[in-house]
Amino acid sequence: MVTLYVAGKKVDWADAGRVLADRTALAERIELRDESGQVVNRLRSESVARDDDPDWVKAITPEAIAEAQKGPFMTLDEYRKQADWR
């Protein structure tokens, strides 16, 4: 039997779908460990970009998504003020 770890934290299999559905989890270290805690396998998220995709598509990685989700964010009114829209 193996146990799932995301970012060094144990994840119950019942919660695995919810945890892995969060794109930020894919930027973290994902491991399968045995009963003694030894790493059996490390999982790595890969880009779905193809070789013939433009560079901007290849730049959309789980790490880039996680970084963008950190913020900062602004309201539409704040954006309009910054963009000098009235």
PDB file of N, CA and C in Angstrom:
ATOM      1  N   MET A   1       0.845  -1.176   0.000  1.00  0.00           N
ATOM      2  CA  MET A   1       0.000   0.000   0.000  1.00  0.00           C
ATOM      3  C   MET A   1       0.892   1.242   0.000  1.00  0.00           C
ATOM      4  N   VAL A   2       0.523   2.226  -0.813  1.00  0.00           N
ATOM      5  CA  VAL A   2       1.283   3.473  -0.865  1.00  0.00           C
ATOM      6  C   VAL A   2       0.396   4.622  -0.384  1.00  0.00           C
ATOM      7  N   THR A   3       1.055   5.687   0.024  1.00  0.00           N
ATOM      8  CA  THR A   3       0.383   6.878   0.512  1.00  0.00           C
ATOM      9  C   THR A   3       0.783   8.047  -0.369  1.00  0.00           C
ATOM     10  N   LEU A   4      -0.155   8.922  -0.635  1.00  0.00           N
ATOM     11  CA  LEU A   4       0.070  10.096  -1.465  1.00  0.00           C
ATOM     12  C   LEU A   4       0.520  11.263  -0.604  1.00  0.00           C
ATOM     13  N   TYR A   5       1.574  11.948  -1.049  1.00  0.00           N
ATOM     14  CA  TYR A   5       2.066  13.153  -0.381  1.00  0.00           C
ATOM     15  C   TYR A   5       2.146  14.275  -1.406  1.00  0.00           C
ATOM     16  N   VAL A   6       1.616  15.431  -1.047  1.00  0.00           N
ATOM     17  CA  VAL A   6       1.695  16.623  -1.896  1.00  0.00           C
ATOM     18  C   VAL A   6       2.378  17.707  -1.079  1.00  0.00           C
ATOM     19  N   ALA A   7       3.482  18.220  -1.600  1.00  0.00           N
ATOM     20  CA  ALA A   7       4.287  19.246  -0.915  1.00  0.00           C
ATOM     21  C   ALA A   7       4.706  18.766   0.472  1.00  0.00           C
ATOM     22  N   GLY A   8       5.002  17.479   0.591  1.00  0.00           N
ATOM     23  CA  GLY A   8       5.471  16.918   1.845  1.00  0.00           C
ATOM     24  C   GLY A   8       4.384  16.618   2.863  1.00  0.00           C
ATOM     25  N   LYS A   9       3.118  16.826   2.510  1.00  0.00           N
ATOM     26  CA  LYS A   9       2.009  16.576   3.421  1.00  0.00           C
ATOM     27  C   LYS A   9       1.205  15.382   2.944  1.00  0.00           C
ATOM     28  N   LYS A  10       0.853  14.516   3.904  1.00  0.00           N
ATOM     29  CA  LYS A  10       0.090  13.321   3.592  1.00  0.00           C
ATOM     30  C   LYS A  10      -1.322  13.716   3.143  1.00  0.00           C
ATOM     31  N   VAL A  11      -1.794  13.071   2.073  1.00  0.00           N
ATOM     32  CA  VAL A  11      -3.138  13.321   1.553  1.00  0.00           C
ATOM     33  C   VAL A  11      -3.890  11.999   1.558  1.00  0.00           C
ATOM     34  N   ASP A  12      -5.060  11.979   2.202  1.00  0.00           N
ATOM     35  CA  ASP A  12      -5.888  10.777   2.195  1.00  0.00           C
ATOM     36  C   ASP A  12      -6.390  10.529   0.780  1.00  0.00           C
ATOM     37  N   TRP A  13      -6.507   9.269   0.411  1.00  0.00           N
ATOM     38  CA  TRP A  13      -6.956   8.944  -0.938  1.00  0.00           C
ATOM     39  C   TRP A  13      -8.353   9.491  -1.200  1.00  0.00           C
ATOM     40  N   ALA A  14      -9.183   9.597  -0.165  1.00  0.00           N
ATOM     41  CA  ALA A  14     -10.531  10.145  -0.331  1.00  0.00           C
ATOM     42  C   ALA A  14     -10.483  11.613  -0.746  1.00  0.00           C
ATOM     43  N   ASP A  15      -9.420  12.319  -0.383  1.00  0.00           N
ATOM     44  CA  ASP A  15      -9.272  13.733  -0.707  1.00  0.00           C
ATOM     45  C   ASP A  15      -8.390  13.979  -1.929  1.00  0.00           C
ATOM     46  N   ALA A  16      -7.828  12.931  -2.496  1.00  0.00           N
ATOM     47  CA  ALA A  16      -6.853  13.088  -3.583  1.00  0.00           C
ATOM     48  C   ALA A  16      -7.442  13.816  -4.786  1.00  0.00           C
ATOM     49  N   GLY A  17      -8.654  13.492  -5.180  1.00  0.00           N
ATOM     50  CA  GLY A  17      -9.268  14.142  -6.333  1.00  0.00           C
ATOM     51  C   GLY A  17      -9.418  15.634  -6.135  1.00  0.00           C
ATOM     52  N   ARG A  18      -9.859  16.027  -4.944  1.00  0.00           N
ATOM     53  CA  ARG A  18     -10.031  17.452  -4.639  1.00  0.00           C
ATOM     54  C   ARG A  18      -8.686  18.164  -4.594  1.00  0.00           C
ATOM     55  N   VAL A  19      -7.714  17.557  -3.957  1.00  0.00           N
ATOM     56  CA  VAL A  19      -6.396  18.183  -3.819  1.00  0.00           C
ATOM     57  C   VAL A  19      -5.710  18.323  -5.176  1.00  0.00           C
ATOM     58  N   LEU A  20      -5.752  17.283  -5.978  1.00  0.00           N
ATOM     59  CA  LEU A  20      -5.059  17.317  -7.269  1.00  0.00           C
ATOM     60  C   LEU A  20      -5.815  18.126  -8.317  1.00  0.00           C
ATOM     61  N   ALA A  21      -7.101  18.402  -8.072  1.00  0.00           N
ATOM     62  CA  ALA A  21      -7.857  19.255  -8.998  1.00  0.00           C
ATOM     63  C   ALA A  21      -7.412  20.706  -8.895  1.00  0.00           C
ATOM     64  N   ASP A  22      -6.813  21.064  -7.765  1.00  0.00           N
ATOM     65  CA  ASP A  22      -6.283  22.415  -7.572  1.00  0.00           C
ATOM     66  C   ASP A  22      -4.979  22.527  -8.360  1.00  0.00           C
ATOM     67  N   ARG A  23      -4.966  23.421  -9.348  1.00  0.00           N
ATOM     68  CA  ARG A  23      -3.792  23.534 -10.228  1.00  0.00           C
ATOM     69  C   ARG A  23      -2.513  23.873  -9.469  1.00  0.00           C
ATOM     70  N   THR A  24      -2.617  24.549  -8.343  1.00  0.00           N
ATOM     71  CA  THR A  24      -1.410  24.896  -7.601  1.00  0.00           C
ATOM     72  C   THR A  24      -0.741  23.648  -7.035  1.00  0.00           C
ATOM     73  N   ALA A  25      -1.512  22.599  -6.779  1.00  0.00           N
ATOM     74  CA  ALA A  25      -0.927  21.353  -6.268  1.00  0.00           C
ATOM     75  C   ALA A  25      -0.003  20.731  -7.300  1.00  0.00           C
ATOM     76  N   LEU A  26      -0.314  20.947  -8.573  1.00  0.00           N
ATOM     77  CA  LEU A  26       0.509  20.352  -9.623  1.00  0.00           C
ATOM     78  C   LEU A  26       1.891  20.991  -9.703  1.00  0.00           C
ATOM     79  N   ALA A  27       2.039  22.174  -9.128  1.00  0.00           N
ATOM     80  CA  ALA A  27       3.345  22.824  -9.102  1.00  0.00           C
ATOM     81  C   ALA A  27       4.186  22.323  -7.928  1.00  0.00           C
ATOM     82  N   GLU A  28       3.556  21.591  -7.029  1.00  0.00           N
ATOM     83  CA  GLU A  28       4.252  21.082  -5.840  1.00  0.00           C
ATOM     84  C   GLU A  28       4.854  19.705  -6.114  1.00  0.00           C
ATOM     85  N   ARG A  29       5.676  19.259  -5.168  1.00  0.00           N
ATOM     86  CA  ARG A  29       6.269  17.915  -5.255  1.00  0.00           C
ATOM     87  C   ARG A  29       5.186  16.896  -4.886  1.00  0.00           C
ATOM     88  N   ILE A  30       4.951  15.935  -5.759  1.00  0.00           N
ATOM     89  CA  ILE A  30       3.953  14.892  -5.522  1.00  0.00           C
ATOM     90  C   ILE A  30       4.695  13.568  -5.448  1.00  0.00           C
ATOM     91  N   GLU A  31       4.473  12.842  -4.348  1.00  0.00           N
ATOM     92  CA  GLU A  31       5.201  11.592  -4.129  1.00  0.00           C
ATOM     93  C   GLU A  31       4.255  10.484  -3.698  1.00  0.00           C
ATOM     94  N   LEU A  32       4.648   9.262  -3.990  1.00  0.00           N
ATOM     95  CA  LEU A  32       4.010   8.069  -3.452  1.00  0.00           C
ATOM     96  C   LEU A  32       5.026   7.441  -2.508  1.00  0.00           C
ATOM     97  N   ARG A  33       4.594   7.155  -1.269  1.00  0.00           N
ATOM     98  CA  ARG A  33       5.502   6.572  -0.271  1.00  0.00           C
ATOM     99  C   ARG A  33       4.927   5.272   0.264  1.00  0.00           C
ATOM    100  N   ASP A  34       5.830   4.363   0.642  1.00  0.00           N
ATOM    101  CA  ASP A  34       5.385   3.099   1.218  1.00  0.00           C
ATOM    102  C   ASP A  34       5.120   3.258   2.711  1.00  0.00           C
ATOM    103  N   GLU A  35       4.803   2.141   3.382  1.00  0.00           N
ATOM    104  CA  GLU A  35       4.446   2.177   4.803  1.00  0.00           C
ATOM    105  C   GLU A  35       5.558   2.736   5.685  1.00  0.00           C
ATOM    106  N   SER A  36       6.810   2.550   5.269  1.00  0.00           N
ATOM    107  CA  SER A  36       7.934   3.038   6.077  1.00  0.00           C
ATOM    108  C   SER A  36       8.254   4.509   5.807  1.00  0.00           C
ATOM    109  N   GLY A  37       7.557   5.120   4.855  1.00  0.00           N
ATOM    110  CA  GLY A  37       7.798   6.526   4.542  1.00  0.00           C
ATOM    111  C   GLY A  37       8.808   6.751   3.431  1.00  0.00           C
ATOM    112  N   GLN A  38       9.331   5.663   2.879  1.00  0.00           N
ATOM    113  CA  GLN A  38      10.299   5.778   1.791  1.00  0.00           C
ATOM    114  C   GLN A  38       9.568   6.142   0.496  1.00  0.00           C
ATOM    115  N   VAL A  39      10.176   7.017  -0.278  1.00  0.00           N
ATOM    116  CA  VAL A  39       9.595   7.425  -1.550  1.00  0.00           C
ATOM    117  C   VAL A  39       9.674   6.268  -2.541  1.00  0.00           C
ATOM    118  N   VAL A  40       8.522   5.886  -3.078  1.00  0.00           N
ATOM    119  CA  VAL A  40       8.447   4.828  -4.065  1.00  0.00           C
ATOM    120  C   VAL A  40       8.490   5.427  -5.467  1.00  0.00           C
ATOM    121  N   ASN A  41       7.825   6.573  -5.632  1.00  0.00           N
ATOM    122  CA  ASN A  41       7.775   7.213  -6.938  1.00  0.00           C
ATOM    123  C   ASN A  41       7.493   8.695  -6.760  1.00  0.00           C
ATOM    124  N   ARG A  42       8.065   9.511  -7.634  1.00  0.00           N
ATOM    125  CA  ARG A  42       7.769  10.938  -7.681  1.00  0.00           C
ATOM    126  C   ARG A  42       7.012  11.211  -8.970  1.00  0.00           C
ATOM    127  N   LEU A  43       5.965  11.997  -8.867  1.00  0.00           N
ATOM    128  CA  LEU A  43       5.160  12.335 -10.031  1.00  0.00           C
ATOM    129  C   LEU A  43       5.478  13.757 -10.445  1.00  0.00           C
ATOM    130  N   ARG A  44       5.454  13.986 -11.751  1.00  0.00           N
ATOM    131  CA  ARG A  44       5.783  15.310 -12.265  1.00  0.00           C
ATOM    132  C   ARG A  44       4.703  15.716 -13.247  1.00  0.00           C
ATOM    133  N   SER A  45       4.195  16.910 -13.051  1.00  0.00           N
ATOM    134  CA  SER A  45       3.219  17.441 -13.983  1.00  0.00           C
ATOM    135  C   SER A  45       3.948  17.910 -15.232  1.00  0.00           C
ATOM    136  N   GLU A  46       3.401  17.589 -16.385  1.00  0.00           N
ATOM    137  CA  GLU A  46       4.026  17.982 -17.634  1.00  0.00           C
ATOM    138  C   GLU A  46       3.113  18.906 -18.411  1.00  0.00           C
ATOM    139  N   SER A  47       3.702  19.768 -19.156  1.00  0.00           N
ATOM    140  CA  SER A  47       2.959  20.667 -20.019  1.00  0.00           C
ATOM    141  C   SER A  47       2.274  19.860 -21.119  1.00  0.00           C
ATOM    142  N   VAL A  48       1.097  20.300 -21.512  1.00  0.00           N
ATOM    143  CA  VAL A  48       0.398  19.631 -22.604  1.00  0.00           C
ATOM    144  C   VAL A  48       0.733  20.268 -23.949  1.00  0.00           C
ATOM    145  N   ALA A  49       1.673  21.207 -23.935  1.00  0.00           N
ATOM    146  CA  ALA A  49       2.070  21.887 -25.170  1.00  0.00           C
ATOM    147  C   ALA A  49       2.775  20.914 -26.105  1.00  0.00           C
ATOM    148  N   ARG A  50       2.536  21.104 -27.389  1.00  0.00           N
ATOM    149  CA  ARG A  50       3.199  20.298 -28.412  1.00  0.00           C
ATOM    150  C   ARG A  50       4.383  21.079 -28.966  1.00  0.00           C
ATOM    151  N   ASP A  51       5.255  20.387 -29.676  1.00  0.00           N
ATOM    152  CA  ASP A  51       6.456  21.026 -30.220  1.00  0.00           C
ATOM    153  C   ASP A  51       6.140  22.157 -31.193  1.00  0.00           C
ATOM    154  N   ASP A  52       5.031  22.047 -31.920  1.00  0.00           N
ATOM    155  CA  ASP A  52       4.721  23.072 -32.911  1.00  0.00           C
ATOM    156  C   ASP A  52       3.860  24.215 -32.357  1.00  0.00           C
ATOM    157  N   ASP A  53       3.594  24.212 -31.045  1.00  0.00           N
ATOM    158  CA  ASP A  53       2.842  25.301 -30.421  1.00  0.00           C
ATOM    159  C   ASP A  53       3.705  26.559 -30.316  1.00  0.00           C
ATOM    160  N   PRO A  54       3.078  27.738 -30.349  1.00  0.00           N
ATOM    161  CA  PRO A  54       3.855  28.974 -30.171  1.00  0.00           C
ATOM    162  C   PRO A  54       4.428  29.061 -28.752  1.00  0.00           C
ATOM    163  N   ASP A  55       5.428  29.900 -28.579  1.00  0.00           N
ATOM    164  CA  ASP A  55       6.114  30.014 -27.292  1.00  0.00           C
ATOM    165  C   ASP A  55       5.172  30.401 -26.157  1.00  0.00           C
ATOM    166  N   TRP A  56       4.162  31.248 -26.450  1.00  0.00           N
ATOM    167  CA  TRP A  56       3.277  31.678 -25.365  1.00  0.00           C
ATOM    168  C   TRP A  56       2.452  30.510 -24.831  1.00  0.00           C
ATOM    169  N   VAL A  57       2.159  29.512 -25.664  1.00  0.00           N
ATOM    170  CA  VAL A  57       1.439  28.329 -25.197  1.00  0.00           C
ATOM    171  C   VAL A  57       2.371  27.463 -24.345  1.00  0.00           C
ATOM    172  N   LYS A  58       3.606  27.312 -24.792  1.00  0.00           N
ATOM    173  CA  LYS A  58       4.578  26.504 -24.046  1.00  0.00           C
ATOM    174  C   LYS A  58       4.890  27.110 -22.683  1.00  0.00           C
ATOM    175  N   ALA A  59       4.695  28.429 -22.549  1.00  0.00           N
ATOM    176  CA  ALA A  59       4.996  29.104 -21.287  1.00  0.00           C
ATOM    177  C   ALA A  59       3.919  28.872 -20.230  1.00  0.00           C
ATOM    178  N   ILE A  60       2.779  28.299 -20.612  1.00  0.00           N
ATOM    179  CA  ILE A  60       1.703  28.044 -19.656  1.00  0.00           C
ATOM    180  C   ILE A  60       1.984  26.712 -18.973  1.00  0.00           C
ATOM    181  N   THR A  61       2.689  26.781 -17.879  1.00  0.00           N
ATOM    182  CA  THR A  61       3.062  25.601 -17.108  1.00  0.00           C
ATOM    183  C   THR A  61       2.335  25.643 -15.769  1.00  0.00           C
ATOM    184  N   PRO A  62       2.258  24.531 -15.051  1.00  0.00           N
ATOM    185  CA  PRO A  62       1.648  24.561 -13.725  1.00  0.00           C
ATOM    186  C   PRO A  62       2.327  25.574 -12.796  1.00  0.00           C
ATOM    187  N   GLU A  63       3.638  25.714 -12.938  1.00  0.00           N
ATOM    188  CA  GLU A  63       4.358  26.681 -12.110  1.00  0.00           C
ATOM    189  C   GLU A  63       3.940  28.109 -12.450  1.00  0.00           C
ATOM    190  N   ALA A  64       3.803  28.410 -13.748  1.00  0.00           N
ATOM    191  CA  ALA A  64       3.396  29.752 -14.174  1.00  0.00           C
ATOM    192  C   ALA A  64       1.976  30.057 -13.716  1.00  0.00           C
ATOM    193  N   ILE A  65       1.104  29.070 -13.763  1.00  0.00           N
ATOM    194  CA  ILE A  65      -0.269  29.254 -13.300  1.00  0.00           C
ATOM    195  C   ILE A  65      -0.293  29.523 -11.806  1.00  0.00           C
ATOM    196  N   ALA A  66       0.464  28.745 -11.044  1.00  0.00           N
ATOM    197  CA  ALA A  66       0.511  28.941  -9.590  1.00  0.00           C
ATOM    198  C   ALA A  66       1.040  30.329  -9.245  1.00  0.00           C
ATOM    199  N   GLU A  67       2.041  30.792  -9.960  1.00  0.00           N
ATOM    200  CA  GLU A  67       2.602  32.128  -9.725  1.00  0.00           C
ATOM    201  C   GLU A  67       1.568  33.209 -10.029  1.00  0.00           C
ATOM    202  N   ALA A  68       0.844  33.063 -11.118  1.00  0.00           N
ATOM    203  CA  ALA A  68      -0.173  34.056 -11.491  1.00  0.00           C
ATOM    204  C   ALA A  68      -1.323  34.094 -10.496  1.00  0.00           C
ATOM    205  N   GLN A  69      -1.641  32.957  -9.899  1.00  0.00           N
ATOM    206  CA  GLN A  69      -2.750  32.898  -8.949  1.00  0.00           C
ATOM    207  C   GLN A  69      -2.411  33.532  -7.600  1.00  0.00           C
ATOM    208  N   LYS A  70      -1.146  33.847  -7.382  1.00  0.00           N
ATOM    209  CA  LYS A  70      -0.751  34.481  -6.123  1.00  0.00           C
ATOM    210  C   LYS A  70      -1.223  35.928  -6.039  1.00  0.00           C
ATOM    211  N   GLY A  71      -1.486  36.553  -7.192  1.00  0.00           N
ATOM    212  CA  GLY A  71      -1.962  37.939  -7.186  1.00  0.00           C
ATOM    213  C   GLY A  71      -0.827  38.879  -7.460  1.00  0.00           C
ATOM    214  N   PRO A  72      -0.932  40.151  -7.249  1.00  0.00           N
ATOM    215  CA  PRO A  72      -2.075  40.842  -6.637  1.00  0.00           C
ATOM    216  C   PRO A  72      -3.219  40.987  -7.636  1.00  0.00           C
ATOM    217  N   PHE A  73      -4.415  41.128  -7.103  1.00  0.00           N
ATOM    218  CA  PHE A  73      -5.597  41.281  -7.923  1.00  0.00           C
ATOM    219  C   PHE A  73      -6.211  42.642  -7.645  1.00  0.00           C
ATOM    220  N   MET A  74      -7.002  43.130  -8.588  1.00  0.00           N
ATOM    221  CA  MET A  74      -7.678  44.404  -8.389  1.00  0.00           C
ATOM    222  C   MET A  74      -9.105  44.298  -8.911  1.00  0.00           C
ATOM    223  N   THR A  75      -9.945  45.194  -8.416  1.00  0.00           N
ATOM    224  CA  THR A  75     -11.327  45.223  -8.877  1.00  0.00           C
ATOM    225  C   THR A  75     -11.376  45.884 -10.250  1.00  0.00           C
ATOM    226  N   LEU A  76     -12.527  45.771 -10.917  1.00  0.00           N
ATOM    227  CA  LEU A  76     -12.689  46.396 -12.218  1.00  0.00           C
ATOM    228  C   LEU A  76     -12.547  47.914 -12.106  1.00  0.00           C
ATOM    229  N   ASP A  77     -13.102  48.497 -11.034  1.00  0.00           N
ATOM    230  CA  ASP A  77     -12.971  49.945 -10.837  1.00  0.00           C
ATOM    231  C   ASP A  77     -11.512  50.355 -10.635  1.00  0.00           C
ATOM    232  N   GLU A  78     -10.750  49.565  -9.881  1.00  0.00           N
ATOM    233  CA  GLU A  78      -9.329  49.852  -9.693  1.00  0.00           C
ATOM    234  C   GLU A  78      -8.575  49.761 -11.019  1.00  0.00           C
ATOM    235  N   TYR A  79      -8.924  48.757 -11.841  1.00  0.00           N
ATOM    236  CA  TYR A  79      -8.273  48.620 -13.138  1.00  0.00           C
ATOM    237  C   TYR A  79      -8.610  49.801 -14.042  1.00  0.00           C
ATOM    238  N   ARG A  80      -9.855  50.190 -14.058  1.00  0.00           N
ATOM    239  CA  ARG A  80     -10.260  51.328 -14.898  1.00  0.00           C
ATOM    240  C   ARG A  80      -9.526  52.587 -14.478  1.00  0.00           C
ATOM    241  N   LYS A  81      -9.356  52.784 -13.181  1.00  0.00           N
ATOM    242  CA  LYS A  81      -8.629  53.951 -12.688  1.00  0.00           C
ATOM    243  C   LYS A  81      -7.174  53.886 -13.133  1.00  0.00           C
ATOM    244  N   GLN A  82      -6.558  52.713 -13.011  1.00  0.00           N
ATOM    245  CA  GLN A  82      -5.162  52.540 -13.412  1.00  0.00           C
ATOM    246  C   GLN A  82      -5.012  52.744 -14.914  1.00  0.00           C
ATOM    247  N   ALA A  83      -5.969  52.262 -15.695  1.00  0.00           N
ATOM    248  CA  ALA A  83      -5.895  52.389 -17.153  1.00  0.00           C
ATOM    249  C   ALA A  83      -6.399  53.743 -17.633  1.00  0.00           C
ATOM    250  N   ASP A  84      -6.829  54.579 -16.707  1.00  0.00           N
ATOM    251  CA  ASP A  84      -7.342  55.916 -16.991  1.00  0.00           C
ATOM    252  C   ASP A  84      -8.614  55.858 -17.847  1.00  0.00           C
ATOM    253  N   TRP A  85      -9.460  54.862 -17.532  1.00  0.00           N
ATOM    254  CA  TRP A  85     -10.767  54.786 -18.173  1.00  0.00           C
ATOM    255  C   TRP A  85     -11.760  55.501 -17.290  1.00  0.00           C
ATOM    256  N   ARG A  86     -12.708  56.109 -17.871  1.00  0.00           N
ATOM    257  CA  ARG A  86     -13.696  56.847 -17.069  1.00  0.00           C
ATOM    258  C   ARG A  86     -15.049  56.225 -17.137  1.00  0.00           C
TER     259      ARG A  86
END
